[in-house]
Amino acid sequence: MDGIKTILIPVKDVAASRELYRTLLGIDPHVDAPYYVGFNIEGQEIGLNPAGHADGMTGPVGFVDVPDLAATVASLIALGATMDQEAKDVGGGMLVATLRDADGNPIGLRQQP
């Protein structure tokens, strides 16, 4: 594993947030769509998610890339994590899921297509 590769930030106003993060990070987004705005800084993805609040996100969530999402979810649940958001395809075959550790902290998982 390479650690947390993606940090998703829930936003309410994607246009205003895009400009704020464009200024903060000093780069243009490599993905600029109504459903997602993504900035990539040397392999670190910072994503603005306008559906995040509706999906229950209350703040930024770090996502770890895993080779087998279902197996990782099962392993973490066996160790006391709880399911927050079931695995879903967010486009192009990329699967994501969110769990919570015993202290309620979010754990994001992502499986590349």
Protein backbone atom coordinates (compact mmCIF):
# COMPACT_ATOMS: atom_id res chain seq x y z
CA MET A 1 0.00 0.00 0.00
CA ASP A 2 1.08 3.53 -0.70
CA GLY A 3 -0.91 5.25 2.04
CA ILE A 4 -3.72 7.72 1.62
CA LYS A 5 -3.80 8.73 -2.03
CA THR A 6 -7.06 10.68 -2.11
CA ILE A 7 -8.65 13.17 0.24
CA LEU A 8 -12.29 13.99 -0.48
CA ILE A 9 -13.77 17.21 0.85
CA PRO A 10 -17.55 17.66 0.96
CA VAL A 11 -18.58 21.04 -0.47
CA LYS A 12 -21.92 22.80 -0.82
CA ASP A 13 -20.95 25.31 -3.53
CA VAL A 14 -18.65 23.50 -5.94
CA ALA A 15 -17.94 26.61 -8.06
CA ALA A 16 -16.89 28.74 -5.09
CA SER A 17 -14.91 25.86 -3.59
CA ARG A 18 -13.15 25.22 -6.91
CA GLU A 19 -11.87 28.81 -6.94
CA LEU A 20 -10.84 28.70 -3.29
CA TYR A 21 -8.84 25.47 -3.71
CA ARG A 22 -7.44 26.61 -7.08
CA THR A 23 -6.03 29.65 -5.30
CA LEU A 24 -4.90 27.71 -2.22
CA LEU A 25 -3.16 24.94 -4.18
CA GLY A 26 -1.89 27.17 -6.99
CA ILE A 27 -2.99 24.80 -9.76
CA ASP A 28 -5.99 24.23 -12.01
CA PRO A 29 -8.09 21.13 -11.47
CA HIS A 30 -7.43 18.16 -13.75
CA VAL A 31 -11.11 17.15 -13.42
CA ASP A 32 -13.68 19.95 -13.43
CA ALA A 33 -17.22 18.60 -13.51
CA PRO A 34 -20.43 19.43 -11.65
CA TYR A 35 -20.17 16.15 -9.71
CA TYR A 36 -16.41 16.31 -8.86
CA VAL A 37 -13.48 18.70 -9.02
CA GLY A 38 -10.08 17.07 -8.64
CA PHE A 39 -6.64 18.54 -8.06
CA ASN A 40 -3.55 16.35 -8.31
CA ILE A 41 -0.35 17.40 -6.59
CA GLU A 42 2.50 14.96 -7.20
CA GLY A 43 0.16 11.96 -6.97
CA GLN A 44 -1.93 13.28 -4.07
CA GLU A 45 -5.54 13.74 -5.16
CA ILE A 46 -7.61 16.46 -3.48
CA GLY A 47 -11.23 16.06 -4.54
CA LEU A 48 -14.18 18.36 -3.98
CA ASN A 49 -17.37 16.34 -3.64
CA PRO A 50 -20.65 18.29 -3.93
CA ALA A 51 -22.60 15.13 -3.00
CA GLY A 52 -20.50 14.57 0.12
CA HIS A 53 -22.85 16.13 2.65
CA ALA A 54 -25.81 14.18 1.23
CA ASP A 55 -23.70 11.01 1.56
CA GLY A 56 -23.11 11.75 5.25
CA MET A 57 -19.62 13.27 5.05
CA THR A 58 -19.05 15.81 7.82
CA GLY A 59 -15.49 16.71 6.85
CA PRO A 60 -12.55 15.55 4.74
CA VAL A 61 -12.05 11.79 4.35
CA GLY A 62 -8.78 10.14 3.36
CA PHE A 63 -9.08 7.20 0.95
CA VAL A 64 -6.59 4.34 0.77
CA ASP A 65 -6.27 2.43 -2.50
CA VAL A 66 -6.79 -1.30 -1.95
CA PRO A 67 -6.57 -4.17 -4.45
CA ASP A 68 -9.74 -5.93 -3.21
CA LEU A 69 -12.36 -3.65 -1.69
CA ALA A 70 -14.70 -6.41 -0.50
CA ALA A 71 -11.90 -8.34 1.24
CA THR A 72 -10.55 -5.19 2.91
CA VAL A 73 -14.02 -4.19 4.13
CA ALA A 74 -14.55 -7.68 5.58
CA SER A 75 -11.15 -7.61 7.32
CA LEU A 76 -11.75 -4.19 8.87
CA ILE A 77 -15.26 -5.08 10.03
CA ALA A 78 -13.83 -8.21 11.68
CA LEU A 79 -11.48 -5.89 13.56
CA GLY A 80 -14.30 -3.66 14.85
CA ALA A 81 -14.91 -1.15 12.07
CA THR A 82 -18.50 -0.40 11.08
CA MET A 83 -19.90 0.22 7.61
CA ASP A 84 -20.66 3.85 6.90
CA GLN A 85 -21.26 3.80 3.13
CA GLU A 86 -21.54 0.55 1.20
CA ALA A 87 -19.27 0.03 -1.80
CA LYS A 88 -20.45 1.83 -4.90
CA ASP A 89 -19.16 2.50 -8.39
CA VAL A 90 -18.41 6.21 -8.71
CA GLY A 91 -17.68 6.01 -12.42
CA GLY A 92 -15.49 4.06 -14.77
CA GLY A 93 -15.47 1.02 -12.51
CA MET A 94 -13.84 2.79 -9.55
CA LEU A 95 -15.33 1.46 -6.32
CA VAL A 96 -15.40 3.36 -3.03
CA ALA A 97 -16.65 2.57 0.45
CA THR A 98 -16.45 4.30 3.80
CA LEU A 99 -16.21 2.69 7.22
CA ARG A 100 -15.77 4.06 10.74
CA ASP A 101 -13.23 2.93 13.28
CA ALA A 102 -14.19 2.26 16.91
CA ASP A 103 -13.79 5.97 17.69
CA GLY A 104 -16.09 7.06 14.86
CA ASN A 105 -13.33 8.26 12.54
CA PRO A 106 -14.01 7.77 8.83
CA ILE A 107 -11.91 5.34 6.80
CA GLY A 108 -12.18 5.68 3.03
CA LEU A 109 -11.34 2.80 0.73
CA ARG A 110 -10.94 2.95 -3.03
CA GLN A 111 -10.44 0.17 -5.59
CA GLN A 112 -9.18 1.18 -9.01
CA PRO A 113 -10.94 -0.38 -12.02
